[in-house]
Amino acid sequence: MATQPPSGEAAHFRALERLYASAPINRLFPSSLQITAPGEARIVFDVAPAYFHAAGATHGTLYFKMLDDAAFYAANSLVSDRFLLTTAFNLLFTKPLKAGPIIAEGRWLSGKRRVYVAEARLVDGEGEEVGRGTGTFMRSTISLTSLPGYAEAGASPA
């Protein structure tokens, strides 16, 4: 029996995951996105010493990228027609991040029209939170279906 392609919400989530995977920045930061439910996103990443600053821990660039991406995709999972843009992001570094697996968990908090607020946290391989952030995202004029990564594989928006 042939498997039916996802439709509606599931198709939107898979299209956002493809969009994330197609972003050129992710060739520098190989990671994978999974949209687990409306308003929730999870990014899995493996921290390597190449991302360390001179004192032997992960540079803040990586914290920001993973937190922003997880919060962004949690919010954009609720928007099926437009690409969101980050307008502000606040970070809290709670623990130095060493080499190994890291998970960024994003969660939508509020907003459903023009401006969205979402948060994310980084959890290390030992289950400890190492960073947290909250972002504000707004609808852009960019249609999701105009973006090559989103539009591939016959995605149909929710």
Protein backbone atom coordinates (compact mmCIF):
# COMPACT_ATOMS: atom_id res chain seq x y z
CA MET A 1 0.00 0.00 0.00
CA ALA A 2 1.38 3.44 -0.98
CA THR A 3 2.04 5.92 1.76
CA GLN A 4 0.16 9.19 1.37
CA PRO A 5 2.21 12.37 1.61
CA PRO A 6 1.45 14.49 4.67
CA SER A 7 -1.22 17.14 4.30
CA GLY A 8 -2.40 20.18 6.24
CA GLU A 9 -0.51 20.86 9.44
CA ALA A 10 1.85 17.89 9.04
CA ALA A 11 2.80 19.04 5.52
CA HIS A 12 3.53 22.53 6.85
CA PHE A 13 5.75 21.11 9.62
CA ARG A 14 7.70 18.87 7.17
CA ALA A 15 8.09 21.84 4.79
CA LEU A 16 9.51 23.99 7.62
CA GLU A 17 11.93 21.17 8.47
CA ARG A 18 13.07 21.10 4.81
CA LEU A 19 13.40 24.89 4.85
CA TYR A 20 15.65 24.69 7.90
CA ALA A 21 17.77 21.95 6.33
CA SER A 22 18.18 23.97 3.12
CA ALA A 23 19.53 27.11 4.84
CA PRO A 24 23.19 27.69 3.86
CA ILE A 25 24.11 28.57 7.48
CA ASN A 26 23.37 24.98 8.48
CA ARG A 27 26.36 23.80 6.44
CA LEU A 28 28.44 25.62 9.08
CA PHE A 29 26.28 24.35 11.96
CA PRO A 30 25.01 20.89 10.95
CA SER A 31 21.85 20.20 12.93
CA SER A 32 18.37 18.81 12.46
CA LEU A 33 15.00 20.37 13.18
CA GLN A 34 11.90 18.53 14.24
CA ILE A 35 8.58 20.30 14.69
CA THR A 36 6.89 18.15 17.28
CA ALA A 37 3.54 19.96 17.66
CA PRO A 38 2.00 23.35 16.90
CA GLY A 39 4.15 25.92 18.68
CA GLU A 40 6.94 23.47 19.51
CA ALA A 41 10.28 22.83 17.81
CA ARG A 42 13.36 20.80 18.66
CA ILE A 43 16.86 21.10 17.19
CA VAL A 44 19.51 18.45 17.72
CA PHE A 45 23.15 19.42 17.34
CA ASP A 46 26.54 17.97 18.21
CA VAL A 47 28.96 20.53 19.67
CA ALA A 48 32.53 20.09 18.44
CA PRO A 49 35.72 21.86 19.61
CA ALA A 50 35.64 23.85 16.34
CA TYR A 51 32.90 25.99 17.99
CA PHE A 52 34.97 26.80 21.10
CA HIS A 53 36.36 30.18 22.10
CA ALA A 54 39.90 30.52 23.47
CA ALA A 55 38.89 29.32 26.97
CA GLY A 56 37.68 25.93 25.70
CA ALA A 57 33.88 26.29 25.80
CA THR A 58 31.30 26.99 23.12
CA HIS A 59 31.20 30.53 21.74
CA GLY A 60 27.98 32.47 22.33
CA THR A 61 27.31 32.49 18.59
CA LEU A 62 26.21 28.87 18.83
CA TYR A 63 23.97 29.52 21.83
CA PHE A 64 22.23 32.32 19.92
CA LYS A 65 21.86 30.38 16.69
CA MET A 66 20.32 27.30 18.28
CA LEU A 67 18.05 29.25 20.66
CA ASP A 68 16.88 31.67 17.97
CA ASP A 69 16.22 28.87 15.49
CA ALA A 70 14.25 26.75 17.97
CA ALA A 71 12.10 29.68 19.12
CA PHE A 72 11.66 30.94 15.54
CA TYR A 73 10.47 27.59 14.18
CA ALA A 74 8.16 27.08 17.17
CA ALA A 75 6.50 30.40 16.27
CA ASN A 76 6.57 29.85 12.48
CA SER A 77 4.88 26.47 12.96
CA LEU A 78 1.75 28.52 13.71
CA VAL A 79 2.07 30.60 10.52
CA SER A 80 1.48 28.76 7.25
CA ASP A 81 1.67 31.62 4.75
CA ARG A 82 4.56 33.91 5.73
CA PHE A 83 8.16 33.67 6.86
CA LEU A 84 8.70 35.26 10.27
CA LEU A 85 11.61 37.57 11.10
CA THR A 86 13.41 37.87 14.43
CA THR A 87 13.02 41.41 15.73
CA ALA A 88 14.57 40.93 19.19
CA PHE A 89 16.16 38.12 21.16
CA ASN A 90 17.34 37.99 24.78
CA LEU A 91 19.86 35.38 25.93
CA LEU A 92 20.75 33.93 29.29
CA PHE A 93 23.91 31.82 29.50
CA THR A 94 23.60 29.53 32.54
CA LYS A 95 26.49 27.11 32.08
CA PRO A 96 29.51 26.68 29.80
CA LEU A 97 28.73 24.30 26.97
CA LYS A 98 31.36 21.66 26.24
CA ALA A 99 31.65 19.18 23.36
CA GLY A 100 28.83 16.70 22.91
CA PRO A 101 25.15 16.54 22.04
CA ILE A 102 22.88 19.52 22.64
CA ILE A 103 19.15 19.96 22.17
CA ALA A 104 17.39 23.28 21.66
CA GLU A 105 13.73 23.15 22.65
CA GLY A 106 11.53 25.97 21.37
CA ARG A 107 8.05 26.88 22.55
CA TRP A 108 5.58 29.53 21.40
CA LEU A 109 4.38 31.79 24.23
CA SER A 110 2.01 34.39 22.78
CA GLY A 111 0.79 36.27 19.72
CA LYS A 112 -1.09 35.00 16.70
CA ARG A 113 -1.47 37.92 14.33
CA ARG A 114 1.52 40.09 13.49
CA VAL A 115 3.95 39.59 16.40
CA TYR A 116 4.82 36.28 18.07
CA VAL A 117 6.81 35.62 21.24
CA ALA A 118 8.60 32.32 21.75
CA GLU A 119 11.24 30.95 24.08
CA ALA A 120 13.87 28.26 23.82
CA ARG A 121 16.27 26.45 26.09
CA LEU A 122 19.46 24.49 25.47
CA VAL A 123 19.86 21.16 27.22
CA ASP A 124 23.22 19.36 27.25
CA GLY A 125 23.87 15.63 26.99
CA GLU A 126 23.54 15.28 30.78
CA GLY A 127 20.06 16.83 30.77
CA GLU A 128 21.19 20.15 32.27
CA GLU A 129 19.93 23.47 30.98
CA VAL A 130 22.90 25.52 29.74
CA GLY A 131 21.12 28.48 28.18
CA ARG A 132 17.75 30.09 27.62
CA GLY A 133 16.35 32.81 25.40
CA THR A 134 13.18 34.63 24.47
CA GLY A 135 12.51 36.14 21.07
CA THR A 136 10.04 38.38 19.33
CA PHE A 137 9.17 37.51 15.74
CA MET A 138 7.02 39.34 13.22
CA ARG A 139 5.32 38.38 9.98
CA SER A 140 7.29 39.39 6.90
CA THR A 141 6.13 39.95 3.33
CA ILE A 142 8.01 36.79 2.27
CA SER A 143 5.69 33.98 1.25
CA LEU A 144 6.79 30.60 2.60
CA THR A 145 5.88 28.93 -0.69
CA SER A 146 8.30 31.26 -2.51
CA LEU A 147 11.23 29.76 -0.59
CA PRO A 148 12.85 26.79 -2.38
CA GLY A 149 13.38 24.65 0.72
CA TYR A 150 9.77 25.06 1.82
CA ALA A 151 8.20 24.52 -1.58
CA GLU A 152 9.99 21.23 -2.37
CA ALA A 153 8.33 17.80 -2.32
CA GLY A 154 4.86 19.12 -3.05
CA ALA A 155 4.37 20.80 0.31
CA SER A 156 0.91 22.16 0.85
CA PRO A 157 0.54 24.78 3.57
CA ALA A 158 -1.80 24.19 6.49
